Amino acid sequence: QVQLVESGGGLVQAGGSLRLSCVVSGVTFRTMFMGWYRQAPGKERELVASINSRGNTNYADFVKGRSAISRDNDKNTVYLQMNSLKPEDTAVYYCKAANWGEYWGQGTQVTVSS
Protein backbone atom coordinates (compact mmCIF):
# COMPACT_ATOMS: atom_id res chain seq x y z
CA GLN A 1 0.00 0.00 0.00
CA VAL A 2 1.39 3.36 -1.03
CA GLN A 3 1.43 6.05 1.63
CA LEU A 4 2.54 9.65 1.55
CA VAL A 5 2.64 11.52 4.85
CA GLU A 6 3.24 15.26 4.85
CA SER A 7 4.37 17.30 7.82
CA GLY A 8 5.86 20.67 8.62
CA GLY A 9 2.93 22.95 7.96
CA GLY A 10 1.74 25.53 10.42
CA LEU A 11 1.13 29.19 11.13
CA VAL A 12 3.91 31.61 10.29
CA GLN A 13 4.21 35.35 9.92
CA ALA A 14 4.83 36.92 6.57
CA GLY A 15 8.53 36.80 5.74
CA GLY A 16 9.02 33.61 7.71
CA SER A 17 10.06 30.15 6.59
CA LEU A 18 8.75 26.62 6.72
CA ARG A 19 10.14 23.28 5.68
CA LEU A 20 7.62 20.71 4.53
CA SER A 21 8.44 17.01 4.49
CA CYS A 22 6.77 14.09 2.77
CA VAL A 23 7.67 10.54 3.67
CA VAL A 24 6.77 7.93 1.08
CA SER A 25 6.32 4.21 1.57
CA GLY A 26 5.09 1.32 -0.53
CA VAL A 27 6.92 2.31 -3.74
CA THR A 28 10.51 2.46 -4.97
CA PHE A 29 11.00 6.07 -3.99
CA ARG A 30 14.15 6.75 -5.99
CA THR A 31 12.30 6.07 -9.25
CA MET A 32 9.40 8.38 -8.47
CA PHE A 33 8.66 11.82 -9.82
CA MET A 34 7.81 13.92 -6.76
CA GLY A 35 5.84 17.12 -6.62
CA TRP A 36 4.48 19.62 -4.15
CA TYR A 37 1.12 21.15 -4.97
CA ARG A 38 -1.10 23.58 -3.13
CA GLN A 39 -4.77 24.40 -3.01
CA ALA A 40 -6.19 27.57 -1.53
CA PRO A 41 -9.88 27.90 -0.64
CA GLY A 42 -11.96 28.38 -3.75
CA LYS A 43 -9.02 27.79 -6.06
CA GLU A 44 -7.76 24.86 -8.09
CA ARG A 45 -4.83 22.77 -7.01
CA GLU A 46 -1.61 24.04 -8.56
CA LEU A 47 1.96 22.84 -8.88
CA VAL A 48 4.47 24.51 -6.58
CA ALA A 49 7.64 22.54 -7.34
CA SER A 50 8.73 19.16 -8.63
CA ILE A 51 11.81 16.98 -8.71
CA ASN A 52 12.32 13.95 -10.89
CA SER A 53 14.29 10.78 -10.22
CA ARG A 54 17.47 12.37 -11.56
CA GLY A 55 17.15 15.37 -9.28
CA ASN A 56 16.03 17.84 -11.92
CA THR A 57 13.78 20.49 -10.42
CA ASN A 58 11.01 22.73 -11.65
CA TYR A 59 9.30 25.65 -9.88
CA ALA A 60 6.18 27.67 -10.35
CA ASP A 61 6.91 31.31 -11.06
CA PHE A 62 5.27 32.39 -7.81
CA VAL A 63 7.89 30.55 -5.68
CA LYS A 64 11.00 30.91 -7.82
CA GLY A 65 13.89 32.30 -5.84
CA ARG A 66 12.31 31.69 -2.46
CA SER A 67 11.65 27.94 -2.36
CA ALA A 68 13.72 24.82 -2.82
CA ILE A 69 12.62 21.25 -3.39
CA SER A 70 14.95 18.39 -2.54
CA ARG A 71 14.84 14.66 -1.99
CA ASP A 72 16.65 12.15 0.18
CA ASN A 73 16.37 8.74 -1.42
CA ASP A 74 17.85 7.05 1.65
CA LYS A 75 15.00 8.42 3.77
CA ASN A 76 12.26 8.13 1.13
CA THR A 77 11.53 11.78 1.76
CA VAL A 78 10.97 14.87 -0.33
CA TYR A 79 11.27 18.35 1.17
CA LEU A 80 10.02 21.79 0.30
CA GLN A 81 11.87 24.67 1.92
CA MET A 82 9.83 27.84 1.67
CA ASN A 83 11.28 31.23 2.55
CA SER A 84 9.97 34.78 2.47
CA LEU A 85 6.45 33.47 2.86
CA LYS A 86 3.54 35.70 1.86
CA PRO A 87 -0.10 35.67 2.95
CA GLU A 88 -1.02 34.49 -0.56
CA ASP A 89 1.00 31.33 0.08
CA THR A 90 -1.72 30.24 2.51
CA ALA A 91 -3.06 26.91 1.30
CA VAL A 92 -3.12 23.20 1.92
CA TYR A 93 0.09 21.75 0.53
CA TYR A 94 0.01 18.28 -0.96
CA CYS A 95 2.76 15.87 -1.89
CA LYS A 96 2.43 13.75 -5.03
CA ALA A 97 4.40 10.74 -6.15
CA ALA A 98 4.12 9.54 -9.73
CA ASN A 99 5.56 6.79 -11.86
CA TRP A 100 3.26 4.21 -13.39
CA GLY A 101 0.59 5.42 -10.99
CA GLU A 102 -0.13 8.65 -9.16
CA TYR A 103 -0.38 8.94 -5.40
CA TRP A 104 -1.25 11.83 -3.09
CA GLY A 105 -0.76 12.64 0.54
CA GLN A 106 -3.44 14.00 2.84
CA GLY A 107 -2.06 17.54 2.82
CA THR A 108 -0.63 19.89 5.40
CA GLN A 109 -2.01 23.35 6.13
CA VAL A 110 0.23 26.37 5.70
CA THR A 111 -1.12 29.67 6.99
CA VAL A 112 0.82 32.88 6.56
CA SER A 113 -0.35 35.85 8.60
CA SER A 114 0.23 39.43 7.53
C-alpha atoms as a PDB file:
ATOM      1  CA  GLN A   1       0.000   0.000   0.000  1.00  0.00           C
ATOM      2  CA  VAL A   2       1.388   3.362  -1.030  1.00  0.00           C
ATOM      3  CA  GLN A   3       1.429   6.052   1.630  1.00  0.00           C
ATOM      4  CA  LEU A   4       2.545   9.654   1.546  1.00  0.00           C
ATOM      5  CA  VAL A   5       2.645  11.517   4.846  1.00  0.00           C
ATOM      6  CA  GLU A   6       3.243  15.255   4.845  1.00  0.00           C
ATOM      7  CA  SER A   7       4.365  17.295   7.818  1.00  0.00           C
ATOM      8  CA  GLY A   8       5.857  20.667   8.623  1.00  0.00           C
ATOM      9  CA  GLY A   9       2.932  22.953   7.960  1.00  0.00           C
ATOM     10  CA  GLY A  10       1.737  25.528  10.420  1.00  0.00           C
ATOM     11  CA  LEU A  11       1.128  29.192  11.134  1.00  0.00           C
ATOM     12  CA  VAL A  12       3.914  31.607  10.290  1.00  0.00           C
ATOM     13  CA  GLN A  13       4.212  35.346   9.923  1.00  0.00           C
ATOM     14  CA  ALA A  14       4.835  36.922   6.565  1.00  0.00           C
ATOM     15  CA  GLY A  15       8.526  36.802   5.741  1.00  0.00           C
ATOM     16  CA  GLY A  16       9.016  33.609   7.707  1.00  0.00           C
ATOM     17  CA  SER A  17      10.058  30.152   6.592  1.00  0.00           C
ATOM     18  CA  LEU A  18       8.748  26.619   6.716  1.00  0.00           C
ATOM     19  CA  ARG A  19      10.135  23.278   5.676  1.00  0.00           C
ATOM     20  CA  LEU A  20       7.620  20.707   4.525  1.00  0.00           C
ATOM     21  CA  SER A  21       8.444  17.013   4.493  1.00  0.00           C
ATOM     22  CA  CYS A  22       6.766  14.089   2.766  1.00  0.00           C
ATOM     23  CA  VAL A  23       7.675  10.537   3.669  1.00  0.00           C
ATOM     24  CA  VAL A  24       6.766   7.934   1.079  1.00  0.00           C
ATOM     25  CA  SER A  25       6.316   4.210   1.574  1.00  0.00           C
ATOM     26  CA  GLY A  26       5.091   1.316  -0.533  1.00  0.00           C
ATOM     27  CA  VAL A  27       6.916   2.305  -3.736  1.00  0.00           C
ATOM     28  CA  THR A  28      10.509   2.459  -4.968  1.00  0.00           C
ATOM     29  CA  PHE A  29      11.003   6.067  -3.988  1.00  0.00           C
ATOM     30  CA  ARG A  30      14.153   6.748  -5.988  1.00  0.00           C
ATOM     31  CA  THR A  31      12.302   6.070  -9.252  1.00  0.00           C
ATOM     32  CA  MET A  32       9.402   8.377  -8.473  1.00  0.00           C
ATOM     33  CA  PHE A  33       8.658  11.820  -9.817  1.00  0.00           C
ATOM     34  CA  MET A  34       7.814  13.922  -6.763  1.00  0.00           C
ATOM     35  CA  GLY A  35       5.842  17.116  -6.622  1.00  0.00           C
ATOM     36  CA  TRP A  36       4.478  19.616  -4.149  1.00  0.00           C
ATOM     37  CA  TYR A  37       1.118  21.153  -4.968  1.00  0.00           C
ATOM     38  CA  ARG A  38      -1.105  23.575  -3.128  1.00  0.00           C
ATOM     39  CA  GLN A  39      -4.765  24.400  -3.010  1.00  0.00           C
ATOM     40  CA  ALA A  40      -6.185  27.572  -1.530  1.00  0.00           C
ATOM     41  CA  PRO A  41      -9.878  27.904  -0.635  1.00  0.00           C
ATOM     42  CA  GLY A  42     -11.957  28.383  -3.750  1.00  0.00           C
ATOM     43  CA  LYS A  43      -9.015  27.786  -6.061  1.00  0.00           C
ATOM     44  CA  GLU A  44      -7.762  24.863  -8.088  1.00  0.00           C
ATOM     45  CA  ARG A  45      -4.833  22.768  -7.011  1.00  0.00           C
ATOM     46  CA  GLU A  46      -1.605  24.041  -8.559  1.00  0.00           C
ATOM     47  CA  LEU A  47       1.961  22.837  -8.880  1.00  0.00           C
ATOM     48  CA  VAL A  48       4.466  24.511  -6.576  1.00  0.00           C
ATOM     49  CA  ALA A  49       7.635  22.542  -7.337  1.00  0.00           C
ATOM     50  CA  SER A  50       8.726  19.163  -8.631  1.00  0.00           C
ATOM     51  CA  ILE A  51      11.806  16.985  -8.708  1.00  0.00           C
ATOM     52  CA  ASN A  52      12.322  13.952 -10.889  1.00  0.00           C
ATOM     53  CA  SER A  53      14.285  10.785 -10.221  1.00  0.00           C
ATOM     54  CA  ARG A  54      17.473  12.375 -11.563  1.00  0.00           C
ATOM     55  CA  GLY A  55      17.148  15.375  -9.276  1.00  0.00           C
ATOM     56  CA  ASN A  56      16.031  17.844 -11.922  1.00  0.00           C
ATOM     57  CA  THR A  57      13.777  20.485 -10.416  1.00  0.00           C
ATOM     58  CA  ASN A  58      11.009  22.729 -11.646  1.00  0.00           C
ATOM     59  CA  TYR A  59       9.305  25.648  -9.882  1.00  0.00           C
ATOM     60  CA  ALA A  60       6.182  27.667 -10.353  1.00  0.00           C
ATOM     61  CA  ASP A  61       6.905  31.314 -11.063  1.00  0.00           C
ATOM     62  CA  PHE A  62       5.271  32.390  -7.812  1.00  0.00           C
ATOM     63  CA  VAL A  63       7.885  30.547  -5.681  1.00  0.00           C
ATOM     64  CA  LYS A  64      11.002  30.906  -7.820  1.00  0.00           C
ATOM     65  CA  GLY A  65      13.888  32.303  -5.836  1.00  0.00           C
ATOM     66  CA  ARG A  66      12.310  31.692  -2.456  1.00  0.00           C
ATOM     67  CA  SER A  67      11.650  27.944  -2.360  1.00  0.00           C
ATOM     68  CA  ALA A  68      13.721  24.823  -2.822  1.00  0.00           C
ATOM     69  CA  ILE A  69      12.620  21.254  -3.386  1.00  0.00           C
ATOM     70  CA  SER A  70      14.952  18.389  -2.545  1.00  0.00           C
ATOM     71  CA  ARG A  71      14.839  14.662  -1.990  1.00  0.00           C
ATOM     72  CA  ASP A  72      16.647  12.151   0.182  1.00  0.00           C
ATOM     73  CA  ASN A  73      16.369   8.742  -1.422  1.00  0.00           C
ATOM     74  CA  ASP A  74      17.846   7.047   1.649  1.00  0.00           C
ATOM     75  CA  LYS A  75      15.003   8.419   3.766  1.00  0.00           C
ATOM     76  CA  ASN A  76      12.257   8.127   1.126  1.00  0.00           C
ATOM     77  CA  THR A  77      11.532  11.780   1.764  1.00  0.00           C
ATOM     78  CA  VAL A  78      10.966  14.868  -0.327  1.00  0.00           C
ATOM     79  CA  TYR A  79      11.267  18.347   1.168  1.00  0.00           C
ATOM     80  CA  LEU A  80      10.020  21.794   0.305  1.00  0.00           C
ATOM     81  CA  GLN A  81      11.868  24.669   1.916  1.00  0.00           C
ATOM     82  CA  MET A  82       9.827  27.838   1.673  1.00  0.00           C
ATOM     83  CA  ASN A  83      11.284  31.228   2.550  1.00  0.00           C
ATOM     84  CA  SER A  84       9.966  34.780   2.466  1.00  0.00           C
ATOM     85  CA  LEU A  85       6.447  33.467   2.861  1.00  0.00           C
ATOM     86  CA  LYS A  86       3.544  35.700   1.862  1.00  0.00           C
ATOM     87  CA  PRO A  87      -0.104  35.670   2.948  1.00  0.00           C
ATOM     88  CA  GLU A  88      -1.019  34.492  -0.555  1.00  0.00           C
ATOM     89  CA  ASP A  89       0.999  31.326   0.078  1.00  0.00           C
ATOM     90  CA  THR A  90      -1.721  30.243   2.515  1.00  0.00           C
ATOM     91  CA  ALA A  91      -3.061  26.912   1.304  1.00  0.00           C
ATOM     92  CA  VAL A  92      -3.118  23.197   1.920  1.00  0.00           C
ATOM     93  CA  TYR A  93       0.091  21.753   0.533  1.00  0.00           C
ATOM     94  CA  TYR A  94       0.015  18.278  -0.963  1.00  0.00           C
ATOM     95  CA  CYS A  95       2.757  15.871  -1.891  1.00  0.00           C
ATOM     96  CA  LYS A  96       2.429  13.752  -5.033  1.00  0.00           C
ATOM     97  CA  ALA A  97       4.396  10.735  -6.145  1.00  0.00           C
ATOM     98  CA  ALA A  98       4.118   9.540  -9.726  1.00  0.00           C
ATOM     99  CA  ASN A  99       5.559   6.794 -11.863  1.00  0.00           C
ATOM    100  CA  TRP A 100       3.258   4.207 -13.390  1.00  0.00           C
ATOM    101  CA  GLY A 101       0.587   5.416 -10.993  1.00  0.00           C
ATOM    102  CA  GLU A 102      -0.135   8.648  -9.160  1.00  0.00           C
ATOM    103  CA  TYR A 103      -0.380   8.943  -5.395  1.00  0.00           C
ATOM    104  CA  TRP A 104      -1.254  11.831  -3.091  1.00  0.00           C
ATOM    105  CA  GLY A 105      -0.764  12.645   0.542  1.00  0.00           C
ATOM    106  CA  GLN A 106      -3.444  14.001   2.836  1.00  0.00           C
ATOM    107  CA  GLY A 107      -2.056  17.535   2.819  1.00  0.00           C
ATOM    108  CA  THR A 108      -0.632  19.892   5.403  1.00  0.00           C
ATOM    109  CA  GLN A 109      -2.012  23.353   6.127  1.00  0.00           C
ATOM    110  CA  VAL A 110       0.227  26.367   5.696  1.00  0.00           C
ATOM    111  CA  THR A 111      -1.124  29.669   6.994  1.00  0.00           C
ATOM    112  CA  VAL A 112       0.816  32.883   6.557  1.00  0.00           C
ATOM    113  CA  SER A 113      -0.349  35.851   8.596  1.00  0.00           C
ATOM    114  CA  SER A 114       0.228  39.428   7.530  1.00  0.00           C
END
